[in-house]
Amino acid sequence: MTPKEAFTRKKPEDGHLCTFGCLVYCHIPSEKRMKLEPCVGKGIFVGYNDTSKSCRVYIPMLRKAMMRRDVKFDEDGLSYSLVA
C-alpha cells in the first residue's frame, strides 16, 4: 500500500507507466546522422529520469545507456534480444 493509497483510500493510477525492458524507438537528430542513415534507433527501456521528462534507454549497438525524450514505446511487440 502506498502512502497516497492509505491517505485517500483509492489506488493510484499507473496507466502512464511503461513496462521495464520493452522495445523503444529513439529519434536520432539530423545533426548526428548522415543523409542516408536511419533516423530512428532501437533501444531497451531501462527507467525514468527523476529530474526531467526523459527516459533512460539502453542502446545495444553503442553499449551505452542514454537519456532520451523523443521515444516511442513498443510494449506489445516482441522483446528485444541483447544478442545482435
N, C-alpha and C. Protein backbone atom coordinates (compact mmCIF):
# COMPACT_ATOMS: atom_id res chain seq x y z
N MET A 1 0.84 -1.17 0.00
CA MET A 1 0.00 0.00 0.00
C MET A 1 0.90 1.25 0.00
N THR A 2 0.63 2.15 -0.91
CA THR A 2 1.40 3.39 -1.00
C THR A 2 0.85 4.40 0.00
N PRO A 3 1.63 5.43 0.36
CA PRO A 3 1.13 6.46 1.27
C PRO A 3 -0.11 7.18 0.72
N LYS A 4 -0.14 7.43 -0.59
CA LYS A 4 -1.30 8.09 -1.19
C LYS A 4 -2.54 7.21 -1.07
N GLU A 5 -2.37 5.91 -1.27
CA GLU A 5 -3.49 4.99 -1.17
C GLU A 5 -4.00 4.92 0.28
N ALA A 6 -3.10 4.98 1.24
CA ALA A 6 -3.51 4.95 2.65
C ALA A 6 -4.26 6.22 3.03
N PHE A 7 -3.87 7.36 2.46
CA PHE A 7 -4.50 8.63 2.80
C PHE A 7 -5.85 8.81 2.12
N THR A 8 -5.95 8.47 0.83
CA THR A 8 -7.17 8.73 0.06
C THR A 8 -8.08 7.52 -0.06
N ARG A 9 -7.62 6.33 0.31
CA ARG A 9 -8.37 5.08 0.18
C ARG A 9 -8.69 4.73 -1.28
N LYS A 10 -7.91 5.26 -2.22
CA LYS A 10 -8.06 4.94 -3.64
C LYS A 10 -6.71 4.46 -4.17
N LYS A 11 -6.74 3.51 -5.08
CA LYS A 11 -5.49 3.04 -5.70
C LYS A 11 -4.97 4.12 -6.63
N PRO A 12 -3.66 4.40 -6.61
CA PRO A 12 -3.12 5.40 -7.53
C PRO A 12 -3.16 4.90 -8.97
N GLU A 13 -3.32 5.82 -9.90
CA GLU A 13 -3.38 5.47 -11.32
C GLU A 13 -1.97 5.27 -11.86
N ASP A 14 -1.74 4.14 -12.51
CA ASP A 14 -0.41 3.85 -13.04
C ASP A 14 -0.45 3.53 -14.53
N GLY A 15 -1.44 4.01 -15.23
CA GLY A 15 -1.58 3.74 -16.66
C GLY A 15 -0.53 4.43 -17.52
N HIS A 16 0.10 5.47 -17.00
CA HIS A 16 1.09 6.22 -17.77
C HIS A 16 2.49 5.59 -17.70
N LEU A 17 2.69 4.61 -16.83
CA LEU A 17 3.98 3.96 -16.70
C LEU A 17 4.15 2.87 -17.77
N CYS A 18 5.36 2.71 -18.25
CA CYS A 18 5.64 1.72 -19.29
C CYS A 18 6.37 0.52 -18.71
N THR A 19 6.34 -0.58 -19.43
CA THR A 19 6.93 -1.83 -18.99
C THR A 19 8.46 -1.76 -19.07
N PHE A 20 9.12 -2.16 -17.99
CA PHE A 20 10.58 -2.20 -17.95
C PHE A 20 11.09 -3.24 -18.92
N GLY A 21 12.06 -2.89 -19.74
CA GLY A 21 12.67 -3.82 -20.68
C GLY A 21 11.97 -3.90 -22.02
N CYS A 22 10.98 -3.06 -22.27
CA CYS A 22 10.29 -3.13 -23.56
C CYS A 22 11.12 -2.43 -24.64
N LEU A 23 10.80 -2.71 -25.85
CA LEU A 23 11.49 -2.16 -27.00
C LEU A 23 11.06 -0.71 -27.22
N VAL A 24 12.03 0.18 -27.45
CA VAL A 24 11.72 1.58 -27.74
C VAL A 24 12.44 1.99 -29.01
N TYR A 25 11.87 2.96 -29.69
CA TYR A 25 12.46 3.54 -30.88
C TYR A 25 12.80 4.99 -30.58
N CYS A 26 14.07 5.36 -30.70
CA CYS A 26 14.56 6.70 -30.37
C CYS A 26 14.84 7.47 -31.66
N HIS A 27 14.43 8.72 -31.69
CA HIS A 27 14.72 9.59 -32.84
C HIS A 27 16.17 10.04 -32.78
N ILE A 28 16.87 9.97 -33.89
CA ILE A 28 18.25 10.45 -33.99
C ILE A 28 18.20 11.79 -34.70
N PRO A 29 18.68 12.88 -34.07
CA PRO A 29 18.61 14.20 -34.70
C PRO A 29 19.44 14.26 -35.98
N SER A 30 19.04 15.14 -36.86
CA SER A 30 19.72 15.23 -38.17
C SER A 30 21.18 15.66 -38.04
N GLU A 31 21.55 16.34 -36.95
CA GLU A 31 22.95 16.74 -36.77
C GLU A 31 23.85 15.55 -36.46
N LYS A 32 23.27 14.45 -35.98
CA LYS A 32 24.07 13.29 -35.58
C LYS A 32 24.00 12.14 -36.57
N ARG A 33 23.45 12.36 -37.75
CA ARG A 33 23.38 11.29 -38.75
C ARG A 33 23.68 11.86 -40.13
N MET A 34 24.08 10.96 -41.03
CA MET A 34 24.36 11.36 -42.41
C MET A 34 23.08 11.25 -43.23
N LYS A 35 23.17 11.57 -44.50
CA LYS A 35 21.99 11.68 -45.35
C LYS A 35 21.21 10.37 -45.49
N LEU A 36 21.87 9.26 -45.69
CA LEU A 36 21.19 8.00 -45.94
C LEU A 36 21.12 7.08 -44.72
N GLU A 37 21.51 7.57 -43.57
CA GLU A 37 21.43 6.76 -42.35
C GLU A 37 20.01 6.82 -41.79
N PRO A 38 19.60 5.80 -41.03
CA PRO A 38 18.25 5.79 -40.47
C PRO A 38 18.05 6.92 -39.45
N CYS A 39 16.82 7.39 -39.34
CA CYS A 39 16.53 8.48 -38.40
C CYS A 39 15.96 7.94 -37.09
N VAL A 40 15.87 6.62 -36.95
CA VAL A 40 15.36 6.01 -35.73
C VAL A 40 16.31 4.89 -35.32
N GLY A 41 16.55 4.78 -34.00
CA GLY A 41 17.38 3.71 -33.47
C GLY A 41 16.61 2.89 -32.46
N LYS A 42 16.95 1.61 -32.35
CA LYS A 42 16.28 0.73 -31.39
C LYS A 42 17.03 0.75 -30.07
N GLY A 43 16.25 0.57 -29.00
CA GLY A 43 16.84 0.50 -27.68
C GLY A 43 15.93 -0.26 -26.72
N ILE A 44 16.36 -0.36 -25.48
CA ILE A 44 15.61 -1.06 -24.43
C ILE A 44 15.32 -0.06 -23.33
N PHE A 45 14.06 0.02 -22.93
CA PHE A 45 13.64 0.93 -21.87
C PHE A 45 14.18 0.43 -20.53
N VAL A 46 14.91 1.31 -19.83
CA VAL A 46 15.53 0.93 -18.57
C VAL A 46 14.88 1.64 -17.38
N GLY A 47 14.39 2.86 -17.57
CA GLY A 47 13.76 3.56 -16.45
C GLY A 47 13.47 5.01 -16.79
N TYR A 48 12.99 5.72 -15.79
CA TYR A 48 12.66 7.13 -15.92
C TYR A 48 13.71 7.98 -15.23
N ASN A 49 13.83 9.24 -15.65
CA ASN A 49 14.72 10.19 -15.02
C ASN A 49 13.96 10.90 -13.90
N ASP A 50 14.61 11.16 -12.79
CA ASP A 50 13.96 11.81 -11.65
C ASP A 50 13.82 13.32 -11.84
N THR A 51 14.72 13.94 -12.58
CA THR A 51 14.76 15.40 -12.64
C THR A 51 14.14 16.00 -13.89
N SER A 52 13.94 15.21 -14.95
CA SER A 52 13.37 15.77 -16.18
C SER A 52 12.38 14.78 -16.78
N LYS A 53 11.81 15.15 -17.92
CA LYS A 53 10.80 14.32 -18.58
C LYS A 53 11.43 13.35 -19.58
N SER A 54 12.58 12.83 -19.26
CA SER A 54 13.25 11.93 -20.18
C SER A 54 13.26 10.50 -19.64
N CYS A 55 13.59 9.57 -20.53
CA CYS A 55 13.66 8.15 -20.18
C CYS A 55 15.10 7.68 -20.33
N ARG A 56 15.47 6.71 -19.54
CA ARG A 56 16.79 6.09 -19.70
C ARG A 56 16.62 4.91 -20.64
N VAL A 57 17.41 4.90 -21.71
CA VAL A 57 17.32 3.89 -22.76
C VAL A 57 18.70 3.28 -22.96
N TYR A 58 18.75 1.95 -22.93
CA TYR A 58 20.00 1.24 -23.23
C TYR A 58 20.03 0.95 -24.71
N ILE A 59 21.11 1.37 -25.38
CA ILE A 59 21.26 1.16 -26.82
C ILE A 59 22.35 0.10 -27.02
N PRO A 60 21.95 -1.12 -27.42
CA PRO A 60 22.91 -2.23 -27.52
C PRO A 60 24.00 -2.01 -28.56
N MET A 61 23.70 -1.32 -29.65
CA MET A 61 24.71 -1.10 -30.68
C MET A 61 25.87 -0.25 -30.15
N LEU A 62 25.59 0.70 -29.27
CA LEU A 62 26.62 1.55 -28.69
C LEU A 62 27.10 1.05 -27.33
N ARG A 63 26.35 0.09 -26.75
CA ARG A 63 26.63 -0.45 -25.41
C ARG A 63 26.65 0.67 -24.37
N LYS A 64 25.65 1.57 -24.46
CA LYS A 64 25.55 2.69 -23.54
C LYS A 64 24.10 2.90 -23.13
N ALA A 65 23.91 3.47 -21.97
CA ALA A 65 22.59 3.91 -21.54
C ALA A 65 22.54 5.42 -21.69
N MET A 66 21.50 5.92 -22.35
CA MET A 66 21.38 7.35 -22.62
C MET A 66 20.03 7.86 -22.15
N MET A 67 19.96 9.15 -21.88
CA MET A 67 18.69 9.81 -21.56
C MET A 67 18.10 10.35 -22.86
N ARG A 68 16.87 9.96 -23.14
CA ARG A 68 16.20 10.39 -24.37
C ARG A 68 14.79 10.85 -24.05
N ARG A 69 14.34 11.90 -24.72
CA ARG A 69 12.97 12.39 -24.54
C ARG A 69 12.06 11.96 -25.67
N ASP A 70 12.61 11.80 -26.84
CA ASP A 70 11.81 11.50 -28.03
C ASP A 70 11.84 10.01 -28.33
N VAL A 71 11.02 9.25 -27.59
CA VAL A 71 10.97 7.80 -27.75
C VAL A 71 9.53 7.36 -27.99
N LYS A 72 9.40 6.25 -28.69
CA LYS A 72 8.11 5.59 -28.89
C LYS A 72 8.24 4.19 -28.31
N PHE A 73 7.29 3.81 -27.47
CA PHE A 73 7.33 2.52 -26.80
C PHE A 73 6.58 1.48 -27.61
N ASP A 74 7.15 0.27 -27.68
CA ASP A 74 6.51 -0.86 -28.35
C ASP A 74 6.36 -1.97 -27.31
N GLU A 75 5.37 -1.81 -26.43
CA GLU A 75 5.17 -2.78 -25.35
C GLU A 75 4.53 -4.07 -25.85
N ASP A 76 3.77 -4.00 -26.94
CA ASP A 76 3.09 -5.18 -27.46
C ASP A 76 3.96 -6.01 -28.38
N GLY A 77 5.04 -5.42 -28.89
CA GLY A 77 5.91 -6.12 -29.83
C GLY A 77 6.77 -7.16 -29.14
N LEU A 78 7.56 -7.83 -29.91
CA LEU A 78 8.47 -8.83 -29.37
C LEU A 78 9.53 -8.17 -28.52
N SER A 79 9.98 -8.85 -27.50
CA SER A 79 11.04 -8.29 -26.66
C SER A 79 12.34 -8.25 -27.43
N TYR A 80 13.17 -7.30 -27.09
CA TYR A 80 14.42 -7.08 -27.81
C TYR A 80 15.48 -8.06 -27.31
N SER A 81 16.19 -8.67 -28.22
CA SER A 81 17.26 -9.59 -27.86
C SER A 81 18.57 -8.83 -27.73
N LEU A 82 19.33 -9.08 -26.66
CA LEU A 82 20.60 -8.40 -26.48
C LEU A 82 21.67 -8.98 -27.40
N VAL A 83 21.47 -10.16 -27.90
CA VAL A 83 22.43 -10.77 -28.82
C VAL A 83 22.08 -10.31 -30.22
N ALA A 84 22.98 -9.51 -30.80
CA ALA A 84 22.68 -8.96 -32.13
C ALA A 84 23.47 -9.65 -33.21
